[in-house]
């Protein structure tokens, strides 16, 4: 294969320092996993779920009281 002659020839200094410019390159780092839900959102959802459970328990207790009242009236 014939050598291709370039328009520029390489010149190395015989004295002094040789410097070279550093070209910035992209550095890939390990990906960071972000949570799908924030901690605050999870706390709010937990509080809401607990509040719904309390309401259900209160409704069940109220129904039981209402069912017990007619039975007491019939006994009298």
Protein backbone atom coordinates (compact mmCIF):
# COMPACT_ATOMS: atom_id res chain seq x y z
CA UNK A 1 0.00 0.00 0.00
CA UNK A 2 1.57 3.32 -0.99
CA UNK A 3 2.12 5.90 1.74
CA UNK A 4 -0.02 8.98 1.58
CA UNK A 5 1.97 12.16 2.07
CA UNK A 6 0.17 14.71 4.16
CA UNK A 7 0.29 18.44 3.65
CA UNK A 8 1.66 18.87 7.16
CA UNK A 9 4.79 17.41 8.51
CA UNK A 10 5.30 16.54 12.12
CA UNK A 11 7.70 18.76 14.00
CA UNK A 12 9.08 17.75 17.39
CA UNK A 13 11.14 20.27 19.36
CA UNK A 14 14.72 19.35 20.04
CA UNK A 15 14.89 21.59 23.13
CA UNK A 16 12.41 22.81 25.73
CA UNK A 17 9.08 21.35 26.65
CA UNK A 18 6.55 19.61 24.52
CA UNK A 19 2.99 20.63 25.35
CA UNK A 20 -0.24 19.13 24.26
CA UNK A 21 -3.76 20.53 24.66
CA UNK A 22 -6.16 18.37 26.57
CA UNK A 23 -9.49 18.10 24.82
CA UNK A 24 -12.38 17.73 27.30
CA UNK A 25 -14.30 14.54 26.79
CA UNK A 26 -17.53 13.27 28.26
CA UNK A 27 -17.14 11.13 31.33
CA UNK A 28 -19.88 8.60 31.85
CA UNK A 29 -20.79 7.88 35.43
CA UNK A 30 -22.93 5.26 37.08
CA UNK A 31 -26.65 6.06 36.66
CA UNK A 32 -28.44 7.23 39.77
CA UNK A 33 -31.75 5.58 40.48
CA UNK A 34 -34.41 8.00 41.57
CA UNK A 35 -37.45 6.82 43.49
CA UNK A 36 -40.71 6.90 41.58
CA UNK A 37 -42.40 8.45 44.61
CA UNK A 38 -40.88 10.94 46.98
CA UNK A 39 -40.67 10.18 50.68
CA UNK A 40 -43.15 12.96 51.41
CA UNK A 41 -45.67 11.57 48.93
CA UNK A 42 -45.34 8.12 50.48
CA UNK A 43 -45.96 9.60 53.95
CA UNK A 44 -49.04 11.46 52.71
CA UNK A 45 -50.42 8.33 51.08
CA UNK A 46 -49.82 6.36 54.28
CA UNK A 47 -51.62 9.03 56.34
CA UNK A 48 -54.54 9.04 53.89
CA UNK A 49 -54.80 5.24 54.00
CA UNK A 50 -54.77 5.27 57.81
CA UNK A 51 -57.47 7.97 57.88
CA UNK A 52 -59.64 5.90 55.53
CA UNK A 53 -59.24 2.86 57.79
CA UNK A 54 -60.31 4.92 60.83
CA UNK A 55 -63.40 6.18 58.96
CA UNK A 56 -64.34 2.61 57.95
CA UNK A 57 -64.04 1.45 61.56
CA UNK A 58 -66.18 4.37 62.76
CA UNK A 59 -68.84 3.61 60.12
CA UNK A 60 -68.92 -0.06 61.13
CA UNK A 61 -69.28 0.88 64.81
CA UNK A 62 -72.11 3.31 63.93
CA UNK A 63 -73.94 0.63 61.93
CA UNK A 64 -73.62 -1.85 64.78
CA UNK A 65 -75.08 0.72 67.18
CA UNK A 66 -77.97 1.46 64.83
CA UNK A 67 -78.71 -2.26 64.46
CA UNK A 68 -78.56 -2.76 68.23
CA UNK A 69 -81.05 0.06 68.95
CA UNK A 70 -84.05 -1.53 67.11
CA UNK A 71 -83.38 -4.82 68.91
CA UNK A 72 -83.47 -3.03 72.27
CA UNK A 73 -86.72 -1.27 71.36
CA UNK A 74 -88.31 -4.60 70.40
CA UNK A 75 -87.25 -6.15 73.69
CA UNK A 76 -89.06 -3.45 75.65
